[in-house]
PDB file of N, CA and C in Angstrom:
ATOM      1  N   MET A   1      47.632  21.425  39.381  1.00  0.00           N
ATOM      2  CA  MET A   1      46.930  22.590  39.893  1.00  0.00           C
ATOM      3  C   MET A   1      47.919  23.735  40.043  1.00  0.00           C
ATOM      4  N   HIS A   2      47.418  24.905  40.055  1.00  0.00           N
ATOM      5  CA  HIS A   2      48.254  26.093  40.130  1.00  0.00           C
ATOM      6  C   HIS A   2      48.876  26.231  41.513  1.00  0.00           C
ATOM      7  N   SER A   3      50.061  26.800  41.532  1.00  0.00           N
ATOM      8  CA  SER A   3      50.773  26.932  42.801  1.00  0.00           C
ATOM      9  C   SER A   3      50.231  28.063  43.660  1.00  0.00           C
ATOM     10  N   ASP A   4      49.526  29.020  43.060  1.00  0.00           N
ATOM     11  CA  ASP A   4      48.963  30.106  43.853  1.00  0.00           C
ATOM     12  C   ASP A   4      47.833  29.552  44.704  1.00  0.00           C
ATOM     13  N   SER A   5      48.040  29.572  46.020  1.00  0.00           N
ATOM     14  CA  SER A   5      47.078  28.939  46.926  1.00  0.00           C
ATOM     15  C   SER A   5      45.705  29.591  46.890  1.00  0.00           C
ATOM     16  N   ASN A   6      45.624  30.832  46.457  1.00  0.00           N
ATOM     17  CA  ASN A   6      44.346  31.532  46.429  1.00  0.00           C
ATOM     18  C   ASN A   6      43.548  31.268  45.158  1.00  0.00           C
ATOM     19  N   THR A   7      44.129  30.572  44.187  1.00  0.00           N
ATOM     20  CA  THR A   7      43.432  30.343  42.920  1.00  0.00           C
ATOM     21  C   THR A   7      42.127  29.581  43.121  1.00  0.00           C
ATOM     22  N   ALA A   8      42.140  28.527  43.900  1.00  0.00           N
ATOM     23  CA  ALA A   8      40.932  27.729  44.121  1.00  0.00           C
ATOM     24  C   ALA A   8      39.825  28.568  44.766  1.00  0.00           C
ATOM     25  N   GLN A   9      40.195  29.431  45.715  1.00  0.00           N
ATOM     26  CA  GLN A   9      39.200  30.293  46.364  1.00  0.00           C
ATOM     27  C   GLN A   9      38.617  31.286  45.361  1.00  0.00           C
ATOM     28  N   ILE A  10      39.452  31.811  44.499  1.00  0.00           N
ATOM     29  CA  ILE A  10      38.996  32.768  43.489  1.00  0.00           C
ATOM     30  C   ILE A  10      38.066  32.086  42.500  1.00  0.00           C
ATOM     31  N   VAL A  11      38.446  30.902  42.038  1.00  0.00           N
ATOM     32  CA  VAL A  11      37.599  30.164  41.093  1.00  0.00           C
ATOM     33  C   VAL A  11      36.249  29.857  41.729  1.00  0.00           C
ATOM     34  N   LYS A  12      36.239  29.420  42.974  1.00  0.00           N
ATOM     35  CA  LYS A  12      34.979  29.111  43.659  1.00  0.00           C
ATOM     36  C   LYS A  12      34.089  30.347  43.755  1.00  0.00           C
ATOM     37  N   ALA A  13      34.664  31.474  44.151  1.00  0.00           N
ATOM     38  CA  ALA A  13      33.879  32.707  44.283  1.00  0.00           C
ATOM     39  C   ALA A  13      33.282  33.126  42.945  1.00  0.00           C
ATOM     40  N   LEU A  14      34.069  33.033  41.884  1.00  0.00           N
ATOM     41  CA  LEU A  14      33.570  33.406  40.553  1.00  0.00           C
ATOM     42  C   LEU A  14      32.452  32.474  40.106  1.00  0.00           C
ATOM     43  N   ARG A  15      32.641  31.182  40.290  1.00  0.00           N
ATOM     44  CA  ARG A  15      31.600  30.215  39.895  1.00  0.00           C
ATOM     45  C   ARG A  15      30.337  30.391  40.738  1.00  0.00           C
ATOM     46  N   ASP A  16      30.518  30.651  42.034  1.00  0.00           N
ATOM     47  CA  ASP A  16      29.357  30.893  42.903  1.00  0.00           C
ATOM     48  C   ASP A  16      28.571  32.125  42.465  1.00  0.00           C
ATOM     49  N   ALA A  17      29.262  33.079  41.832  1.00  0.00           N
ATOM     50  CA  ALA A  17      28.610  34.300  41.341  1.00  0.00           C
ATOM     51  C   ALA A  17      28.023  34.112  39.946  1.00  0.00           C
ATOM     52  N   GLY A  18      28.096  32.896  39.407  1.00  0.00           N
ATOM     53  CA  GLY A  18      27.476  32.601  38.115  1.00  0.00           C
ATOM     54  C   GLY A  18      28.390  32.746  36.915  1.00  0.00           C
ATOM     55  N   CYS A  19      29.683  32.880  37.128  1.00  0.00           N
ATOM     56  CA  CYS A  19      30.634  33.021  36.021  1.00  0.00           C
ATOM     57  C   CYS A  19      31.059  31.652  35.495  1.00  0.00           C
ATOM     58  N   SER A  20      31.407  31.614  34.218  1.00  0.00           N
ATOM     59  CA  SER A  20      32.096  30.459  33.645  1.00  0.00           C
ATOM     60  C   SER A  20      33.577  30.691  33.893  1.00  0.00           C
ATOM     61  N   VAL A  21      34.274  29.656  34.336  1.00  0.00           N
ATOM     62  CA  VAL A  21      35.698  29.798  34.641  1.00  0.00           C
ATOM     63  C   VAL A  21      36.448  28.595  34.094  1.00  0.00           C
ATOM     64  N   ASN A  22      37.524  28.862  33.350  1.00  0.00           N
ATOM     65  CA  ASN A  22      38.414  27.807  32.862  1.00  0.00           C
ATOM     66  C   ASN A  22      39.850  28.170  33.193  1.00  0.00           C
ATOM     67  N   TYR A  23      40.607  27.148  33.573  1.00  0.00           N
ATOM     68  CA  TYR A  23      42.042  27.322  33.744  1.00  0.00           C
ATOM     69  C   TYR A  23      42.652  27.314  32.353  1.00  0.00           C
ATOM     70  N   LEU A  24      43.453  28.322  32.031  1.00  0.00           N
ATOM     71  CA  LEU A  24      44.091  28.349  30.722  1.00  0.00           C
ATOM     72  C   LEU A  24      45.243  27.359  30.632  1.00  0.00           C
ATOM     73  N   ASP A  25      45.837  27.015  31.742  1.00  0.00           N
ATOM     74  CA  ASP A  25      46.855  25.975  31.784  1.00  0.00           C
ATOM     75  C   ASP A  25      46.453  25.012  32.893  1.00  0.00           C
ATOM     76  N   PRO A  26      45.612  24.014  32.558  1.00  0.00           N
ATOM     77  CA  PRO A  26      45.076  23.135  33.594  1.00  0.00           C
ATOM     78  C   PRO A  26      46.124  22.315  34.330  1.00  0.00           C
ATOM     79  N   HIS A  27      47.328  22.214  33.781  1.00  0.00           N
ATOM     80  CA  HIS A  27      48.380  21.440  34.443  1.00  0.00           C
ATOM     81  C   HIS A  27      49.243  22.298  35.352  1.00  0.00           C
ATOM     82  N   GLY A  28      48.995  23.614  35.343  1.00  0.00           N
ATOM     83  CA  GLY A  28      49.702  24.503  36.250  1.00  0.00           C
ATOM     84  C   GLY A  28      51.166  24.709  35.930  1.00  0.00           C
ATOM     85  N   ARG A  29      51.553  24.505  34.672  1.00  0.00           N
ATOM     86  CA  ARG A  29      52.950  24.741  34.285  1.00  0.00           C
ATOM     87  C   ARG A  29      53.171  26.243  34.215  1.00  0.00           C
ATOM     88  N   ARG A  30      53.804  26.793  35.202  1.00  0.00           N
ATOM     89  CA  ARG A  30      53.938  28.247  35.331  1.00  0.00           C
ATOM     90  C   ARG A  30      54.760  28.873  34.214  1.00  0.00           C
ATOM     91  N   ASP A  31      55.585  28.084  33.523  1.00  0.00           N
ATOM     92  CA  ASP A  31      56.419  28.658  32.476  1.00  0.00           C
ATOM     93  C   ASP A  31      55.912  28.316  31.079  1.00  0.00           C
ATOM     94  N   SER A  32      54.683  27.813  30.969  1.00  0.00           N
ATOM     95  CA  SER A  32      54.193  27.285  29.697  1.00  0.00           C
ATOM     96  C   SER A  32      54.305  28.269  28.546  1.00  0.00           C
ATOM     97  N   ALA A  33      53.669  29.404  28.636  1.00  0.00           N
ATOM     98  CA  ALA A  33      53.733  30.373  27.536  1.00  0.00           C
ATOM     99  C   ALA A  33      53.530  31.792  28.035  1.00  0.00           C
ATOM    100  N   GLY A  34      53.407  31.956  29.330  1.00  0.00           N
ATOM    101  CA  GLY A  34      53.179  33.283  29.874  1.00  0.00           C
ATOM    102  C   GLY A  34      51.731  33.718  29.855  1.00  0.00           C
ATOM    103  N   ILE A  35      50.832  32.805  29.454  1.00  0.00           N
ATOM    104  CA  ILE A  35      49.427  33.173  29.373  1.00  0.00           C
ATOM    105  C   ILE A  35      48.839  33.348  30.772  1.00  0.00           C
ATOM    106  N   PRO A  36      47.766  34.169  30.896  1.00  0.00           N
ATOM    107  CA  PRO A  36      47.128  34.358  32.203  1.00  0.00           C
ATOM    108  C   PRO A  36      46.564  33.044  32.743  1.00  0.00           C
ATOM    109  N   ASP A  37      46.223  33.053  34.015  1.00  0.00           N
ATOM    110  CA  ASP A  37      45.761  31.839  34.688  1.00  0.00           C
ATOM    111  C   ASP A  37      44.335  31.433  34.352  1.00  0.00           C
ATOM    112  N   LEU A  38      43.425  32.412  34.300  1.00  0.00           N
ATOM    113  CA  LEU A  38      42.009  32.080  34.198  1.00  0.00           C
ATOM    114  C   LEU A  38      41.319  32.800  33.041  1.00  0.00           C
ATOM    115  N   LEU A  39      40.415  32.083  32.399  1.00  0.00           N
ATOM    116  CA  LEU A  39      39.521  32.635  31.391  1.00  0.00           C
ATOM    117  C   LEU A  39      38.136  32.656  32.038  1.00  0.00           C
ATOM    118  N   VAL A  40      37.559  33.848  32.159  1.00  0.00           N
ATOM    119  CA  VAL A  40      36.300  34.011  32.879  1.00  0.00           C
ATOM    120  C   VAL A  40      35.267  34.657  31.965  1.00  0.00           C
ATOM    121  N   GLY A  41      34.065  34.103  31.968  1.00  0.00           N
ATOM    122  CA  GLY A  41      32.976  34.676  31.194  1.00  0.00           C
ATOM    123  C   GLY A  41      31.831  35.080  32.096  1.00  0.00           C
ATOM    124  N   ARG A  42      31.290  36.264  31.840  1.00  0.00           N
ATOM    125  CA  ARG A  42      30.135  36.746  32.613  1.00  0.00           C
ATOM    126  C   ARG A  42      29.325  37.700  31.757  1.00  0.00           C
ATOM    127  N   ASN A  43      28.043  37.397  31.594  1.00  0.00           N
ATOM    128  CA  ASN A  43      27.116  38.251  30.837  1.00  0.00           C
ATOM    129  C   ASN A  43      27.625  38.595  29.442  1.00  0.00           C
ATOM    130  N   GLY A  44      28.183  37.614  28.750  1.00  0.00           N
ATOM    131  CA  GLY A  44      28.635  37.818  27.385  1.00  0.00           C
ATOM    132  C   GLY A  44      29.981  38.499  27.238  1.00  0.00           C
ATOM    133  N   VAL A  45      30.678  38.726  28.332  1.00  0.00           N
ATOM    134  CA  VAL A  45      31.987  39.377  28.293  1.00  0.00           C
ATOM    135  C   VAL A  45      33.031  38.377  28.786  1.00  0.00           C
ATOM    136  N   THR A  46      34.181  38.372  28.116  1.00  0.00           N
ATOM    137  CA  THR A  46      35.280  37.487  28.477  1.00  0.00           C
ATOM    138  C   THR A  46      36.383  38.280  29.166  1.00  0.00           C
ATOM    139  N   TYR A  47      36.905  37.722  30.239  1.00  0.00           N
ATOM    140  CA  TYR A  47      37.970  38.351  31.016  1.00  0.00           C
ATOM    141  C   TYR A  47      39.141  37.390  31.146  1.00  0.00           C
ATOM    142  N   LEU A  48      40.335  37.918  31.162  1.00  0.00           N
ATOM    143  CA  LEU A  48      41.544  37.161  31.470  1.00  0.00           C
ATOM    144  C   LEU A  48      42.035  37.614  32.840  1.00  0.00           C
ATOM    145  N   LEU A  49      42.228  36.654  33.747  1.00  0.00           N
ATOM    146  CA  LEU A  49      42.703  36.996  35.090  1.00  0.00           C
ATOM    147  C   LEU A  49      44.039  36.328  35.364  1.00  0.00           C
ATOM    148  N   GLU A  50      44.943  37.098  35.902  1.00  0.00           N
ATOM    149  CA  GLU A  50      46.242  36.602  36.351  1.00  0.00           C
ATOM    150  C   GLU A  50      46.204  36.606  37.872  1.00  0.00           C
ATOM    151  N   VAL A  51      46.300  35.428  38.480  1.00  0.00           N
ATOM    152  CA  VAL A  51      46.229  35.304  39.928  1.00  0.00           C
ATOM    153  C   VAL A  51      47.647  35.362  40.495  1.00  0.00           C
ATOM    154  N   LYS A  52      47.828  36.231  41.474  1.00  0.00           N
ATOM    155  CA  LYS A  52      49.113  36.338  42.168  1.00  0.00           C
ATOM    156  C   LYS A  52      48.899  36.045  43.646  1.00  0.00           C
ATOM    157  N   ARG A  53      49.937  35.525  44.276  1.00  0.00           N
ATOM    158  CA  ARG A  53      49.886  35.180  45.704  1.00  0.00           C
ATOM    159  C   ARG A  53      49.752  36.390  46.602  1.00  0.00           C
ATOM    160  N   ASP A  54      50.524  37.435  46.270  1.00  0.00           N
ATOM    161  CA  ASP A  54      50.511  38.638  47.089  1.00  0.00           C
ATOM    162  C   ASP A  54      50.965  39.819  46.239  1.00  0.00           C
ATOM    163  N   ALA A  55      50.900  40.993  46.799  1.00  0.00           N
ATOM    164  CA  ALA A  55      51.224  42.213  46.052  1.00  0.00           C
ATOM    165  C   ALA A  55      52.686  42.273  45.626  1.00  0.00           C
ATOM    166  N   LYS A  56      53.548  41.503  46.249  1.00  0.00           N
ATOM    167  CA  LYS A  56      54.969  41.500  45.893  1.00  0.00           C
ATOM    168  C   LYS A  56      55.273  40.578  44.714  1.00  0.00           C
ATOM    169  N   SER A  57      54.321  39.698  44.360  1.00  0.00           N
ATOM    170  CA  SER A  57      54.536  38.773  43.248  1.00  0.00           C
ATOM    171  C   SER A  57      54.614  39.544  41.939  1.00  0.00           C
ATOM    172  N   LYS A  58      55.576  39.190  41.127  1.00  0.00           N
ATOM    173  CA  LYS A  58      55.791  39.862  39.848  1.00  0.00           C
ATOM    174  C   LYS A  58      55.508  38.910  38.697  1.00  0.00           C
ATOM    175  N   ARG A  59      55.271  39.482  37.517  1.00  0.00           N
ATOM    176  CA  ARG A  59      55.120  38.663  36.317  1.00  0.00           C
ATOM    177  C   ARG A  59      56.464  38.029  35.968  1.00  0.00           C
ATOM    178  N   THR A  60      56.396  36.829  35.403  1.00  0.00           N
ATOM    179  CA  THR A  60      57.604  36.174  34.917  1.00  0.00           C
ATOM    180  C   THR A  60      58.003  36.826  33.592  1.00  0.00           C
ATOM    181  N   PRO A  61      59.233  36.627  33.129  1.00  0.00           N
ATOM    182  CA  PRO A  61      59.621  37.169  31.821  1.00  0.00           C
ATOM    183  C   PRO A  61      58.694  36.713  30.688  1.00  0.00           C
ATOM    184  N   LYS A  62      58.274  35.445  30.724  1.00  0.00           N
ATOM    185  CA  LYS A  62      57.346  34.965  29.681  1.00  0.00           C
ATOM    186  C   LYS A  62      56.000  35.671  29.777  1.00  0.00           C
ATOM    187  N   GLN A  63      55.535  35.950  30.990  1.00  0.00           N
ATOM    188  CA  GLN A  63      54.281  36.692  31.151  1.00  0.00           C
ATOM    189  C   GLN A  63      54.430  38.107  30.616  1.00  0.00           C
ATOM    190  N   GLU A  64      55.558  38.754  30.885  1.00  0.00           N
ATOM    191  CA  GLU A  64      55.800  40.110  30.366  1.00  0.00           C
ATOM    192  C   GLU A  64      55.732  40.118  28.841  1.00  0.00           C
ATOM    193  N   THR A  65      56.364  39.133  28.207  1.00  0.00           N
ATOM    194  CA  THR A  65      56.349  39.044  26.748  1.00  0.00           C
ATOM    195  C   THR A  65      54.940  38.817  26.236  1.00  0.00           C
ATOM    196  N   TRP A  66      54.221  37.898  26.866  1.00  0.00           N
ATOM    197  CA  TRP A  66      52.848  37.605  26.431  1.00  0.00           C
ATOM    198  C   TRP A  66      51.988  38.859  26.538  1.00  0.00           C
ATOM    199  N   HIS A  67      52.066  39.540  27.664  1.00  0.00           N
ATOM    200  CA  HIS A  67      51.274  40.758  27.890  1.00  0.00           C
ATOM    201  C   HIS A  67      51.615  41.825  26.859  1.00  0.00           C
ATOM    202  N   ALA A  68      52.898  41.981  26.541  1.00  0.00           N
ATOM    203  CA  ALA A  68      53.326  43.002  25.584  1.00  0.00           C
ATOM    204  C   ALA A  68      52.813  42.716  24.178  1.00  0.00           C
ATOM    205  N   ASN A  69      52.635  41.441  23.842  1.00  0.00           N
ATOM    206  CA  ASN A  69      52.202  41.064  22.491  1.00  0.00           C
ATOM    207  C   ASN A  69      50.704  40.849  22.349  1.00  0.00           C
ATOM    208  N   TRP A  70      49.980  40.790  23.442  1.00  0.00           N
ATOM    209  CA  TRP A  70      48.538  40.528  23.408  1.00  0.00           C
ATOM    210  C   TRP A  70      47.796  41.744  22.882  1.00  0.00           C
ATOM    211  N   ARG A  71      46.898  41.553  21.914  1.00  0.00           N
ATOM    212  CA  ARG A  71      46.164  42.653  21.284  1.00  0.00           C
ATOM    213  C   ARG A  71      44.719  42.768  21.769  1.00  0.00           C
ATOM    214  N   GLY A  72      44.338  41.918  22.696  1.00  0.00           N
ATOM    215  CA  GLY A  72      42.994  41.992  23.255  1.00  0.00           C
ATOM    216  C   GLY A  72      42.986  42.775  24.554  1.00  0.00           C
ATOM    217  N   ARG A  73      41.883  42.653  25.283  1.00  0.00           N
ATOM    218  CA  ARG A  73      41.759  43.304  26.586  1.00  0.00           C
ATOM    219  C   ARG A  73      42.865  42.815  27.508  1.00  0.00           C
ATOM    220  N   SER A  74      43.468  43.710  28.233  1.00  0.00           N
ATOM    221  CA  SER A  74      44.577  43.356  29.122  1.00  0.00           C
ATOM    222  C   SER A  74      44.107  42.442  30.242  1.00  0.00           C
ATOM    223  N   PRO A  75      44.919  41.457  30.597  1.00  0.00           N
ATOM    224  CA  PRO A  75      44.592  40.622  31.748  1.00  0.00           C
ATOM    225  C   PRO A  75      44.585  41.467  33.023  1.00  0.00           C
ATOM    226  N   ILE A  76      43.758  41.077  33.956  1.00  0.00           N
ATOM    227  CA  ILE A  76      43.617  41.785  35.224  1.00  0.00           C
ATOM    228  C   ILE A  76      44.301  40.952  36.302  1.00  0.00           C
ATOM    229  N   VAL A  77      45.180  41.570  37.061  1.00  0.00           N
ATOM    230  CA  VAL A  77      45.865  40.880  38.146  1.00  0.00           C
ATOM    231  C   VAL A  77      44.992  40.948  39.397  1.00  0.00           C
ATOM    232  N   VAL A  78      44.761  39.784  40.006  1.00  0.00           N
ATOM    233  CA  VAL A  78      43.946  39.713  41.221  1.00  0.00           C
ATOM    234  C   VAL A  78      44.684  38.913  42.281  1.00  0.00           C
ATOM    235  N   LEU A  79      44.435  39.277  43.529  1.00  0.00           N
ATOM    236  CA  LEU A  79      45.065  38.602  44.660  1.00  0.00           C
ATOM    237  C   LEU A  79      44.071  37.806  45.500  1.00  0.00           C
ATOM    238  N   ILE A  80      42.838  38.307  45.587  1.00  0.00           N
ATOM    239  CA  ILE A  80      41.838  37.715  46.470  1.00  0.00           C
ATOM    240  C   ILE A  80      40.510  37.583  45.722  1.00  0.00           C
ATOM    241  N   PRO A  81      39.605  36.733  46.220  1.00  0.00           N
ATOM    242  CA  PRO A  81      38.324  36.534  45.549  1.00  0.00           C
ATOM    243  C   PRO A  81      37.551  37.833  45.301  1.00  0.00           C
ATOM    244  N   GLU A  82      37.548  38.744  46.270  1.00  0.00           N
ATOM    245  CA  GLU A  82      36.788  39.987  46.106  1.00  0.00           C
ATOM    246  C   GLU A  82      37.306  40.809  44.924  1.00  0.00           C
ATOM    247  N   GLU A  83      38.618  40.836  44.729  1.00  0.00           N
ATOM    248  CA  GLU A  83      39.178  41.555  43.576  1.00  0.00           C
ATOM    249  C   GLU A  83      38.741  40.917  42.268  1.00  0.00           C
ATOM    250  N   ALA A  84      38.713  39.605  42.232  1.00  0.00           N
ATOM    251  CA  ALA A  84      38.283  38.900  41.022  1.00  0.00           C
ATOM    252  C   ALA A  84      36.820  39.203  40.715  1.00  0.00           C
ATOM    253  N   LEU A  85      35.989  39.221  41.739  1.00  0.00           N
ATOM    254  CA  LEU A  85      34.574  39.508  41.541  1.00  0.00           C
ATOM    255  C   LEU A  85      34.366  40.918  41.012  1.00  0.00           C
ATOM    256  N   VAL A  86      35.071  41.871  41.570  1.00  0.00           N
ATOM    257  CA  VAL A  86      34.970  43.255  41.105  1.00  0.00           C
ATOM    258  C   VAL A  86      35.485  43.360  39.669  1.00  0.00           C
ATOM    259  N   ALA A  87      36.541  42.634  39.347  1.00  0.00           N
ATOM    260  CA  ALA A  87      37.136  42.686  38.008  1.00  0.00           C
ATOM    261  C   ALA A  87      36.162  42.252  36.921  1.00  0.00           C
ATOM    262  N   VAL A  88      35.225  41.365  37.261  1.00  0.00           N
ATOM    263  CA  VAL A  88      34.264  40.888  36.266  1.00  0.00           C
ATOM    264  C   VAL A  88      32.890  41.538  36.412  1.00  0.00           C
ATOM    265  N   GLY A  89      32.818  42.619  37.178  1.00  0.00           N
ATOM    266  CA  GLY A  89      31.580  43.389  37.243  1.00  0.00           C
ATOM    267  C   GLY A  89      30.696  43.167  38.438  1.00  0.00           C
ATOM    268  N   CYS A  90      31.179  42.463  39.440  1.00  0.00           N
ATOM    269  CA  CYS A  90      30.404  42.279  40.672  1.00  0.00           C
ATOM    270  C   CYS A  90      30.865  43.314  41.692  1.00  0.00           C
ATOM    271  N   ARG A  91      29.960  43.718  42.536  1.00  0.00           N
ATOM    272  CA  ARG A  91      30.311  44.582  43.657  1.00  0.00           C
ATOM    273  C   ARG A  91      30.159  43.774  44.929  1.00  0.00           C
ATOM    274  N   VAL A  92      31.050  43.967  45.850  1.00  0.00           N
ATOM    275  CA  VAL A  92      30.976  43.266  47.124  1.00  0.00           C
ATOM    276  C   VAL A  92      30.439  44.246  48.148  1.00  0.00           C
ATOM    277  N   LYS A  93      29.318  43.884  48.752  1.00  0.00           N
ATOM    278  CA  LYS A  93      28.714  44.722  49.793  1.00  0.00           C
ATOM    279  C   LYS A  93      28.809  43.973  51.115  1.00  0.00           C
ATOM    280  N   TRP A  94      29.233  44.682  52.136  1.00  0.00           N
ATOM    281  CA  TRP A  94      29.292  44.091  53.462  1.00  0.00           C
ATOM    282  C   TRP A  94      27.999  44.437  54.187  1.00  0.00           C
ATOM    283  N   SER A  95      27.120  43.438  54.325  1.00  0.00           N
ATOM    284  CA  SER A  95      25.831  43.692  54.963  1.00  0.00           C
ATOM    285  C   SER A  95      25.932  43.647  56.485  1.00  0.00           C
ATOM    286  N   GLU A  96      26.859  42.865  57.009  1.00  0.00           N
ATOM    287  CA  GLU A  96      27.122  42.811  58.439  1.00  0.00           C
ATOM    288  C   GLU A  96      28.525  42.254  58.629  1.00  0.00           C
ATOM    289  N   PRO A  97      29.147  42.483  59.747  1.00  0.00           N
ATOM    290  CA  PRO A  97      30.520  42.012  59.952  1.00  0.00           C
ATOM    291  C   PRO A  97      30.661  40.518  59.679  1.00  0.00           C
ATOM    292  N   GLY A  98      31.654  40.171  58.853  1.00  0.00           N
ATOM    293  CA  GLY A  98      31.918  38.765  58.559  1.00  0.00           C
ATOM    294  C   GLY A  98      30.992  38.140  57.544  1.00  0.00           C
ATOM    295  N   CYS A  99      30.094  38.914  56.966  1.00  0.00           N
ATOM    296  CA  CYS A  99      29.142  38.364  56.015  1.00  0.00           C
ATOM    297  C   CYS A  99      29.223  39.165  54.718  1.00  0.00           C
ATOM    298  N   THR A 100      29.298  38.488  53.579  1.00  0.00           N
ATOM    299  CA  THR A 100      29.353  39.198  52.299  1.00  0.00           C
ATOM    300  C   THR A 100      28.095  38.924  51.500  1.00  0.00           C
ATOM    301  N   HIS A 101      27.761  39.867  50.674  1.00  0.00           N
ATOM    302  CA  HIS A 101      26.620  39.738  49.776  1.00  0.00           C
ATOM    303  C   HIS A 101      27.061  40.370  48.460  1.00  0.00           C
ATOM    304  N   LEU A 102      26.895  39.667  47.376  1.00  0.00           N
ATOM    305  CA  LEU A 102      27.332  40.172  46.081  1.00  0.00           C
ATOM    306  C   LEU A 102      26.168  40.809  45.349  1.00  0.00           C
ATOM    307  N   GLU A 103      26.362  42.025  44.916  1.00  0.00           N
ATOM    308  CA  GLU A 103      25.348  42.700  44.111  1.00  0.00           C
ATOM    309  C   GLU A 103      25.930  42.890  42.718  1.00  0.00           C
ATOM    310  N   MET A 104      25.289  42.298  41.728  1.00  0.00           N
ATOM    311  CA  MET A 104      25.787  42.380  40.359  1.00  0.00           C
ATOM    312  C   MET A 104      25.371  43.697  39.732  1.00  0.00           C
ATOM    313  N   HIS A 105      26.140  44.177  38.762  1.00  0.00           N
ATOM    314  CA  HIS A 105      25.825  45.436  38.069  1.00  0.00           C
ATOM    315  C   HIS A 105      24.502  45.352  37.322  1.00  0.00           C
ATOM    316  N   ASP A 106      24.099  44.139  36.930  1.00  0.00           N
ATOM    317  CA  ASP A 106      22.851  44.012  36.186  1.00  0.00           C
ATOM    318  C   ASP A 106      21.632  43.925  37.107  1.00  0.00           C
ATOM    319  N   GLY A 107      21.849  44.118  38.401  1.00  0.00           N
ATOM    320  CA  GLY A 107      20.732  44.152  39.340  1.00  0.00           C
ATOM    321  C   GLY A 107      20.409  42.826  39.994  1.00  0.00           C
ATOM    322  N   THR A 108      21.001  41.730  39.496  1.00  0.00           N
ATOM    323  CA  THR A 108      20.746  40.438  40.124  1.00  0.00           C
ATOM    324  C   THR A 108      21.693  40.269  41.300  1.00  0.00           C
ATOM    325  N   CYS A 109      21.378  39.343  42.166  1.00  0.00           N
ATOM    326  CA  CYS A 109      22.196  39.137  43.344  1.00  0.00           C
ATOM    327  C   CYS A 109      22.552  37.667  43.486  1.00  0.00           C
ATOM    328  N   ALA A 110      23.664  37.433  44.133  1.00  0.00           N
ATOM    329  CA  ALA A 110      24.077  36.076  44.465  1.00  0.00           C
ATOM    330  C   ALA A 110      24.486  36.057  45.930  1.00  0.00           C
ATOM    331  N   PRO A 111      24.149  34.990  46.656  1.00  0.00           N
ATOM    332  CA  PRO A 111      24.520  34.936  48.068  1.00  0.00           C
ATOM    333  C   PRO A 111      26.020  34.839  48.261  1.00  0.00           C
TER     334      PRO A 111
END
């Protein structure tokens, strides 16, 4: 499993919102090839997400090389579940203190 403790929370939030989520390196080898952590699909669009522990976390040299050579959509760096949801087209609305409600851009909703 990945060493970033927030990865499991991010994956759960994305799956709860109806996204397909795959770990690109299911064994969590952080130096494997520099590829992003997650492959996410939502409404026919594919996203690459790089999960970081905190804002001070930096890309590894292998990640820098991978990013520089990648010709597709750039991976999105996320720290928390809400950032991941927004990155794939969900909006987070706070309906009351301590309670979240996700409103999707396509008009559907998920609890």
